[in-house]
C-alpha atoms as a PDB file:
ATOM      1  CA  MET A   1     267.528 -57.355 -46.897  1.00  0.00           C
ATOM      2  CA  LEU A   2     268.074 -56.316 -43.202  1.00  0.00           C
ATOM      3  CA  ILE A   3     270.945 -53.568 -44.525  1.00  0.00           C
ATOM      4  CA  PRO A   4     267.841 -51.801 -46.115  1.00  0.00           C
ATOM      5  CA  LEU A   5     265.558 -52.358 -43.286  1.00  0.00           C
ATOM      6  CA  LEU A   6     268.175 -50.927 -40.865  1.00  0.00           C
ATOM      7  CA  ILE A   7     268.607 -47.513 -42.954  1.00  0.00           C
ATOM      8  CA  ARG A   8     265.226 -47.120 -43.504  1.00  0.00           C
ATOM      9  CA  LEU A   9     264.836 -47.353 -40.118  1.00  0.00           C
ATOM     10  CA  GLY A  10     267.673 -44.428 -39.737  1.00  0.00           C
ATOM     11  CA  ASN A  11     265.924 -42.296 -41.974  1.00  0.00           C
ATOM     12  CA  TRP A  12     262.325 -42.586 -40.340  1.00  0.00           C
ATOM     13  CA  GLN A  13     264.005 -41.865 -36.373  1.00  0.00           C
ATOM     14  CA  LEU A  14     265.625 -38.335 -38.442  1.00  0.00           C
ATOM     15  CA  ALA A  15     262.342 -37.660 -39.935  1.00  0.00           C
ATOM     16  CA  ARG A  16     261.228 -37.515 -36.325  1.00  0.00           C
ATOM     17  CA  TRP A  17     263.552 -35.643 -35.413  1.00  0.00           C
ATOM     18  CA  GLN A  18     263.305 -32.885 -37.740  1.00  0.00           C
ATOM     19  CA  TYR A  19     259.240 -33.098 -37.154  1.00  0.00           C
ATOM     20  CA  LYS A  20     260.183 -32.553 -33.563  1.00  0.00           C
ATOM     21  CA  LYS A  21     263.373 -29.792 -33.362  1.00  0.00           C
ATOM     22  CA  GLU A  22     260.575 -27.576 -35.678  1.00  0.00           C
ATOM     23  CA  LEU A  23     257.705 -28.551 -33.143  1.00  0.00           C
ATOM     24  CA  SER A  24     259.923 -27.317 -30.363  1.00  0.00           C
ATOM     25  CA  PHE A  25     260.724 -24.354 -32.028  1.00  0.00           C
ATOM     26  CA  THR A  26     257.210 -23.655 -33.213  1.00  0.00           C
ATOM     27  CA  ILE A  27     255.568 -23.764 -29.672  1.00  0.00           C
ATOM     28  CA  TYR A  28     258.146 -21.304 -28.289  1.00  0.00           C
ATOM     29  CA  THR A  29     257.997 -19.260 -30.837  1.00  0.00           C
ATOM     30  CA  SER A  30     253.752 -19.114 -30.174  1.00  0.00           C
ATOM     31  CA  LEU A  31     253.953 -19.068 -26.446  1.00  0.00           C
ATOM     32  CA  GLN A  32     256.207 -15.505 -26.962  1.00  0.00           C
ATOM     33  CA  GLN A  33     253.314 -13.450 -28.754  1.00  0.00           C
ATOM     34  CA  ALA A  34     250.748 -11.650 -26.507  1.00  0.00           C
ATOM     35  CA  PRO A  35     247.272 -13.268 -25.413  1.00  0.00           C
ATOM     36  CA  GLN A  36     244.560 -12.577 -27.167  1.00  0.00           C
ATOM     37  CA  PHE A  37     241.127 -13.449 -26.119  1.00  0.00           C
ATOM     38  CA  TYR A  38     239.631 -16.710 -27.396  1.00  0.00           C
ATOM     39  CA  ILE A  39     236.469 -16.654 -29.529  1.00  0.00           C
ATOM     40  CA  LYS A  40     234.212 -19.342 -29.965  1.00  0.00           C
ATOM     41  CA  GLN A  41     234.787 -20.012 -33.982  1.00  0.00           C
ATOM     42  CA  PRO A  42     233.745 -23.080 -36.067  1.00  0.00           C
ATOM     43  CA  THR A  43     237.633 -23.843 -36.880  1.00  0.00           C
ATOM     44  CA  PRO A  44     240.077 -25.087 -34.022  1.00  0.00           C
ATOM     45  CA  PRO A  45     242.087 -22.146 -32.111  1.00  0.00           C
ATOM     46  CA  THR A  46     245.165 -22.586 -33.149  1.00  0.00           C
ATOM     47  CA  LEU A  47     247.441 -25.001 -30.402  1.00  0.00           C
ATOM     48  CA  TYR A  48     250.056 -23.217 -28.531  1.00  0.00           C
ATOM     49  CA  LYS A  49     249.320 -19.456 -29.030  1.00  0.00           C
ATOM     50  CA  PRO A  50     248.735 -18.259 -25.710  1.00  0.00           C
ATOM     51  CA  TYR A  51     244.971 -16.958 -25.449  1.00  0.00           C
ATOM     52  CA  LEU A  52     242.591 -14.958 -22.511  1.00  0.00           C
ATOM     53  CA  ILE A  53     239.457 -17.316 -21.974  1.00  0.00           C
ATOM     54  CA  LYS A  54     236.447 -15.510 -20.089  1.00  0.00           C
ATOM     55  CA  GLY A  55     233.673 -17.317 -18.582  1.00  0.00           C
ATOM     56  CA  HIS A  56     233.263 -19.552 -15.484  1.00  0.00           C
ATOM     57  CA  PHE A  57     233.968 -23.044 -13.627  1.00  0.00           C
ATOM     58  CA  LEU A  58     230.886 -25.522 -13.769  1.00  0.00           C
ATOM     59  CA  GLN A  59     230.829 -26.335 -10.399  1.00  0.00           C
ATOM     60  CA  ASP A  60     231.723 -29.686  -8.822  1.00  0.00           C
ATOM     61  CA  LYS A  61     231.851 -31.183 -12.009  1.00  0.00           C
ATOM     62  CA  THR A  62     236.190 -31.466 -11.814  1.00  0.00           C
ATOM     63  CA  LEU A  63     237.505 -34.913 -14.167  1.00  0.00           C
ATOM     64  CA  LEU A  64     240.552 -36.795 -13.168  1.00  0.00           C
ATOM     65  CA  LEU A  65     242.720 -37.727 -15.510  1.00  0.00           C
ATOM     66  CA  ASP A  66     244.455 -41.047 -14.325  1.00  0.00           C
ATOM     67  CA  ASN A  67     247.332 -42.623 -14.733  1.00  0.00           C
ATOM     68  CA  LYS A  68     248.997 -39.555 -15.137  1.00  0.00           C
ATOM     69  CA  ILE A  69     253.193 -39.867 -14.462  1.00  0.00           C
ATOM     70  CA  TYR A  70     255.068 -36.618 -12.795  1.00  0.00           C
ATOM     71  CA  ASN A  71     258.757 -37.216 -11.253  1.00  0.00           C
ATOM     72  CA  HIS A  72     258.287 -40.860 -11.034  1.00  0.00           C
ATOM     73  CA  GLN A  73     255.058 -40.806  -9.255  1.00  0.00           C
ATOM     74  CA  VAL A  74     251.865 -41.829 -10.238  1.00  0.00           C
ATOM     75  CA  GLY A  75     248.810 -39.063  -9.894  1.00  0.00           C
ATOM     76  CA  TYR A  76     245.625 -37.201 -12.077  1.00  0.00           C
ATOM     77  CA  VAL A  77     245.971 -34.523 -14.337  1.00  0.00           C
ATOM     78  CA  VAL A  78     242.825 -32.361 -13.439  1.00  0.00           C
ATOM     79  CA  LEU A  79     240.598 -30.772 -15.339  1.00  0.00           C
ATOM     80  CA  SER A  80     238.015 -28.775 -14.868  1.00  0.00           C
ATOM     81  CA  PRO A  81     235.022 -27.595 -17.648  1.00  0.00           C
ATOM     82  CA  PHE A  82     235.250 -24.133 -17.838  1.00  0.00           C
ATOM     83  CA  LEU A  83     231.950 -22.562 -19.622  1.00  0.00           C
ATOM     84  CA  LEU A  84     233.069 -19.798 -21.958  1.00  0.00           C
ATOM     85  CA  SER A  85     230.856 -16.438 -21.630  1.00  0.00           C
ATOM     86  CA  GLY A  86     227.857 -15.548 -24.113  1.00  0.00           C
ATOM     87  CA  THR A  87     227.828 -19.388 -25.134  1.00  0.00           C
ATOM     88  CA  GLN A  88     226.754 -22.921 -24.977  1.00  0.00           C
ATOM     89  CA  GLN A  89     230.489 -24.171 -25.328  1.00  0.00           C
ATOM     90  CA  ILE A  90     232.589 -25.700 -22.243  1.00  0.00           C
ATOM     91  CA  ILE A  91     236.758 -25.500 -22.560  1.00  0.00           C
ATOM     92  CA  LEU A  92     238.731 -27.963 -20.618  1.00  0.00           C
ATOM     93  CA  ILE A  93     240.893 -26.499 -18.336  1.00  0.00           C
ATOM     94  CA  ASP A  94     244.096 -28.811 -17.913  1.00  0.00           C
ATOM     95  CA  ARG A  95     244.719 -27.281 -14.167  1.00  0.00           C
ATOM     96  CA  GLY A  96     248.260 -28.762 -13.330  1.00  0.00           C
ATOM     97  CA  TRP A  97     249.390 -32.677 -11.853  1.00  0.00           C
ATOM     98  CA  VAL A  98     247.939 -34.131  -8.384  1.00  0.00           C
ATOM     99  CA  PRO A  99     249.712 -37.058  -6.752  1.00  0.00           C
ATOM    100  CA  LEU A 100     247.269 -40.516  -6.323  1.00  0.00           C
ATOM    101  CA  GLY A 101     247.516 -40.263  -2.583  1.00  0.00           C
ATOM    102  CA  SER A 102     247.158 -43.053  -0.547  1.00  0.00           C
ATOM    103  CA  SER A 103     244.643 -44.978  -2.467  1.00  0.00           C
ATOM    104  CA  ARG A 104     242.687 -44.937  -5.591  1.00  0.00           C
ATOM    105  CA  ASN A 105     239.471 -45.035  -2.780  1.00  0.00           C
ATOM    106  CA  SER A 106     240.336 -41.871  -1.676  1.00  0.00           C
ATOM    107  CA  VAL A 107     239.439 -38.567  -3.208  1.00  0.00           C
ATOM    108  CA  PRO A 108     243.114 -35.957  -4.036  1.00  0.00           C
ATOM    109  CA  ALA A 109     243.298 -32.512  -1.980  1.00  0.00           C
ATOM    110  CA  LEU A 110     242.110 -30.205  -4.897  1.00  0.00           C
ATOM    111  CA  LEU A 111     242.695 -26.342  -4.572  1.00  0.00           C
ATOM    112  CA  PRO A 112     239.152 -24.739  -4.745  1.00  0.00           C
ATOM    113  CA  THR A 113     237.364 -23.908  -7.621  1.00  0.00           C
ATOM    114  CA  PRO A 114     235.834 -20.709  -7.560  1.00  0.00           C
ATOM    115  CA  ARG A 115     232.720 -19.731  -8.377  1.00  0.00           C
ATOM    116  CA  ARG A 116     232.732 -16.297 -10.019  1.00  0.00           C
ATOM    117  CA  GLU A 117     233.442 -15.071 -13.768  1.00  0.00           C
ATOM    118  CA  LEU A 118     237.227 -15.385 -14.379  1.00  0.00           C
ATOM    119  CA  THR A 119     239.750 -14.005 -17.100  1.00  0.00           C
ATOM    120  CA  LEU A 120     242.120 -17.463 -17.324  1.00  0.00           C
ATOM    121  CA  THR A 121     245.298 -17.550 -19.266  1.00  0.00           C
ATOM    122  CA  GLY A 122     246.704 -20.168 -20.991  1.00  0.00           C
ATOM    123  CA  PHE A 123     247.138 -21.733 -24.636  1.00  0.00           C
ATOM    124  CA  PHE A 124     245.448 -24.821 -26.123  1.00  0.00           C
ATOM    125  CA  TYR A 125     247.232 -27.833 -26.780  1.00  0.00           C
ATOM    126  CA  ASN A 126     245.975 -31.545 -28.837  1.00  0.00           C
ATOM    127  CA  ILE A 127     245.699 -34.598 -25.822  1.00  0.00           C
ATOM    128  CA  SER A 128     246.682 -37.914 -27.249  1.00  0.00           C
ATOM    129  CA  SER A 129     244.078 -40.169 -26.792  1.00  0.00           C
ATOM    130  CA  SER A 130     245.044 -44.077 -25.195  1.00  0.00           C
ATOM    131  CA  PHE A 131     244.464 -47.244 -26.725  1.00  0.00           C
ATOM    132  CA  SER A 132     241.985 -49.511 -24.702  1.00  0.00           C
ATOM    133  CA  LEU A 133     240.280 -52.362 -25.874  1.00  0.00           C
ATOM    134  CA  ALA A 134     237.368 -51.735 -23.776  1.00  0.00           C
ATOM    135  CA  GLU A 135     234.666 -49.315 -25.214  1.00  0.00           C
ATOM    136  CA  PRO A 136     234.288 -46.175 -22.893  1.00  0.00           C
ATOM    137  CA  LYS A 137     231.644 -45.749 -20.972  1.00  0.00           C
ATOM    138  CA  LEU A 138     230.118 -43.282 -18.155  1.00  0.00           C
ATOM    139  CA  SER A 139     228.812 -44.477 -14.947  1.00  0.00           C
ATOM    140  CA  ALA A 140     224.975 -44.183 -14.459  1.00  0.00           C
ATOM    141  CA  MET A 141     225.204 -42.028 -11.916  1.00  0.00           C
ATOM    142  CA  PRO A 142     229.029 -40.392 -11.965  1.00  0.00           C
ATOM    143  CA  ILE A 143     230.000 -38.880  -8.595  1.00  0.00           C
ATOM    144  CA  PHE A 144     232.765 -36.011  -8.504  1.00  0.00           C
ATOM    145  CA  PRO A 145     235.824 -35.761  -9.231  1.00  0.00           C
ATOM    146  CA  TYR A 146     234.891 -38.289 -12.082  1.00  0.00           C
ATOM    147  CA  ARG A 147     237.986 -40.342 -13.306  1.00  0.00           C
ATOM    148  CA  ILE A 148     238.728 -40.736 -16.420  1.00  0.00           C
ATOM    149  CA  GLN A 149     240.899 -43.104 -18.545  1.00  0.00           C
ATOM    150  CA  ASN A 150     241.262 -40.874 -21.381  1.00  0.00           C
ATOM    151  CA  VAL A 151     239.732 -37.359 -22.915  1.00  0.00           C
ATOM    152  CA  ASP A 152     236.706 -38.710 -25.145  1.00  0.00           C
ATOM    153  CA  VAL A 153     235.098 -35.700 -26.452  1.00  0.00           C
ATOM    154  CA  ALA A 154     231.942 -37.577 -27.389  1.00  0.00           C
ATOM    155  CA  LEU A 155     231.241 -39.230 -23.926  1.00  0.00           C
ATOM    156  CA  LEU A 156     231.790 -35.834 -22.257  1.00  0.00           C
ATOM    157  CA  LYS A 157     229.685 -34.123 -24.168  1.00  0.00           C
ATOM    158  CA  ASN A 158     227.073 -36.427 -22.574  1.00  0.00           C
ATOM    159  CA  LEU A 159     227.890 -36.064 -19.713  1.00  0.00           C
ATOM    160  CA  PHE A 160     227.740 -32.292 -19.563  1.00  0.00           C
ATOM    161  CA  LYS A 161     225.060 -31.839 -22.268  1.00  0.00           C
ATOM    162  CA  LYS A 162     226.982 -29.240 -24.058  1.00  0.00           C
ATOM    163  CA  ASP A 163     229.491 -28.711 -26.497  1.00  0.00           C
ATOM    164  CA  ILE A 164     233.631 -29.164 -25.609  1.00  0.00           C
ATOM    165  CA  GLU A 165     236.549 -27.904 -27.367  1.00  0.00           C
ATOM    166  CA  SER A 166     238.095 -30.937 -28.643  1.00  0.00           C
ATOM    167  CA  ASN A 167     241.597 -29.302 -27.473  1.00  0.00           C
ATOM    168  CA  ILE A 168     242.510 -28.357 -23.965  1.00  0.00           C
ATOM    169  CA  PHE A 169     243.650 -25.521 -22.143  1.00  0.00           C
ATOM    170  CA  LYS A 170     246.553 -25.486 -20.390  1.00  0.00           C
ATOM    171  CA  LEU A 171     246.393 -23.189 -17.306  1.00  0.00           C
ATOM    172  CA  ALA A 172     249.078 -20.303 -16.605  1.00  0.00           C
ATOM    173  CA  GLU A 173     252.050 -21.905 -14.214  1.00  0.00           C
ATOM    174  CA  THR A 174     251.078 -18.274 -12.574  1.00  0.00           C
ATOM    175  CA  SER A 175     247.502 -19.321 -11.873  1.00  0.00           C
ATOM    176  CA  SER A 176     246.936 -19.528  -8.237  1.00  0.00           C
ATOM    177  CA  TYR A 177     244.618 -22.472  -9.599  1.00  0.00           C
ATOM    178  CA  THR A 178     246.818 -24.154 -10.693  1.00  0.00           C
ATOM    179  CA  HIS A 179     248.374 -27.578  -9.324  1.00  0.00           C
ATOM    180  CA  GLN A 180     251.822 -28.567 -10.097  1.00  0.00           C
ATOM    181  CA  TYR A 181     252.374 -27.440 -13.118  1.00  0.00           C
ATOM    182  CA  GLN A 182     253.658 -29.808 -16.060  1.00  0.00           C
ATOM    183  CA  PRO A 183     255.428 -28.484 -19.174  1.00  0.00           C
ATOM    184  CA  VAL A 184     253.382 -29.972 -22.117  1.00  0.00           C
ATOM    185  CA  GLY A 185     255.723 -33.210 -23.548  1.00  0.00           C
ATOM    186  CA  LEU A 186     256.474 -34.230 -27.515  1.00  0.00           C
ATOM    187  CA  GLY A 187     257.043 -37.145 -26.166  1.00  0.00           C
ATOM    188  CA  THR A 188     260.533 -38.661 -27.018  1.00  0.00           C
ATOM    189  CA  PRO A 189     263.065 -35.324 -27.334  1.00  0.00           C
ATOM    190  CA  PRO A 190     264.057 -34.786 -30.738  1.00  0.00           C
ATOM    191  CA  MET A 191     267.706 -35.507 -29.397  1.00  0.00           C
ATOM    192  CA  LYS A 192     266.501 -38.867 -28.452  1.00  0.00           C
ATOM    193  CA  HIS A 193     264.751 -39.413 -32.202  1.00  0.00           C
ATOM    194  CA  LEU A 194     268.754 -38.253 -33.280  1.00  0.00           C
ATOM    195  CA  GLY A 195     270.366 -41.117 -31.103  1.00  0.00           C
ATOM    196  CA  TYR A 196     268.345 -43.469 -32.222  1.00  0.00           C
ATOM    197  CA  ALA A 197     268.821 -42.828 -35.583  1.00  0.00           C
ATOM    198  CA  VAL A 198     272.855 -43.146 -35.337  1.00  0.00           C
ATOM    199  CA  GLN A 199     271.648 -46.735 -33.602  1.00  0.00           C
ATOM    200  CA  TRP A 200     270.016 -47.827 -36.535  1.00  0.00           C
ATOM    201  CA  PHE A 201     272.924 -46.063 -39.065  1.00  0.00           C
ATOM    202  CA  MET A 202     275.639 -47.772 -36.791  1.00  0.00           C
ATOM    203  CA  MET A 203     273.817 -51.375 -37.159  1.00  0.00           C
ATOM    204  CA  ALA A 204     273.753 -51.090 -40.970  1.00  0.00           C
ATOM    205  CA  VAL A 205     277.331 -50.434 -41.184  1.00  0.00           C
ATOM    206  CA  ALA A 206     278.439 -53.559 -38.468  1.00  0.00           C
ATOM    207  CA  THR A 207     275.852 -55.665 -40.758  1.00  0.00           C
ATOM    208  CA  LEU A 208     277.785 -54.669 -43.610  1.00  0.00           C
ATOM    209  CA  VAL A 209     281.287 -55.019 -42.395  1.00  0.00           C
ATOM    210  CA  TYR A 210     280.069 -58.696 -40.557  1.00  0.00           C
ATOM    211  CA  TYR A 211     278.660 -59.417 -44.452  1.00  0.00           C
ATOM    212  CA  LEU A 212     281.203 -58.394 -45.980  1.00  0.00           C
ATOM    213  CA  PHE A 213     283.839 -60.552 -43.486  1.00  0.00           C
ATOM    214  CA  ILE A 214     281.961 -63.866 -44.071  1.00  0.00           C
ATOM    215  CA  ASN A 215     282.088 -63.394 -48.163  1.00  0.00           C
ATOM    216  CA  CYS A 216     285.230 -62.478 -47.539  1.00  0.00           C
ATOM    217  CA  THR A 217     286.226 -65.452 -45.493  1.00  0.00           C
ATOM    218  CA  TYR A 218     284.136 -67.877 -47.296  1.00  0.00           C
ATOM    219  CA  HIS A 219     286.016 -67.113 -50.762  1.00  0.00           C
ATOM    220  CA  ARG A 220     289.270 -67.305 -49.133  1.00  0.00           C
ATOM    221  CA  THR A 221     288.469 -70.924 -47.892  1.00  0.00           C
ATOM    222  CA  LYS A 222     287.527 -71.801 -50.862  1.00  0.00           C
ATOM    223  CA  ARG A 223     290.712 -70.649 -53.013  1.00  0.00           C
ATOM    224  CA  LEU A 224     292.579 -72.739 -50.278  1.00  0.00           C
ATOM    225  CA  GLN A 225     290.474 -75.609 -50.557  1.00  0.00           C
ATOM    226  CA  ASN A 226     290.797 -75.473 -54.573  1.00  0.00           C
ATOM    227  CA  ASN A 227     294.261 -74.742 -54.328  1.00  0.00           C
ATOM    228  CA  ASP A 228     294.611 -77.709 -52.080  1.00  0.00           C
ATOM    229  CA  VAL A 229     293.114 -79.817 -54.474  1.00  0.00           C
ATOM    230  CA  TYR A 230     295.148 -78.552 -57.620  1.00  0.00           C
ATOM    231  CA  LYS A 231     298.457 -79.734 -55.670  1.00  0.00           C
ATOM    232  CA  PHE A 232     297.055 -83.770 -55.793  1.00  0.00           C
END
């Protein structure tokens, strides 16, 4: 029972390696394309494809996505709501990472948020929500910059009273409105999955060798015992 389980775990990690490798290639090739203006449509935007978006930031409505690690340091991802021109749709702009600071009671130093209409360059990506046992709630009177534990689109719609794009817009690293730029990660790198797969397969081989050794030892011992019985 153990050996088939180990082989299945190895095959699963191989599948994850293949998926991550293909996703990495897709992201790389997509980001090489020339940016196009994003127009609100019923269907979600293409992820990792460069876009230009035109509109303006909602003033003094910055969100701080909590518990984000960069270079082994705790901090926030700065998310600024951006109202798309000619629509009532908000796009959350990932403006990069800022350190926590001396304590959670202090507000981190943030770059100024411009008031004029802007055209921003970047790409959309999907952010995974953190699992929480507690039901997410909004403060009765939220104080901005407002700390959030995950991006809950339904709650944020209620907060801003507008439609919100479910994918995050990653602002270009070269933008003057970007804090510390954090590349969008894939979680576990592809080569680690390959390494895990090799480990599972090696454990399966080791278990098989151990089983064969024990089995051969057992039968050899039985034969010797039988020979001793026949001698008498």
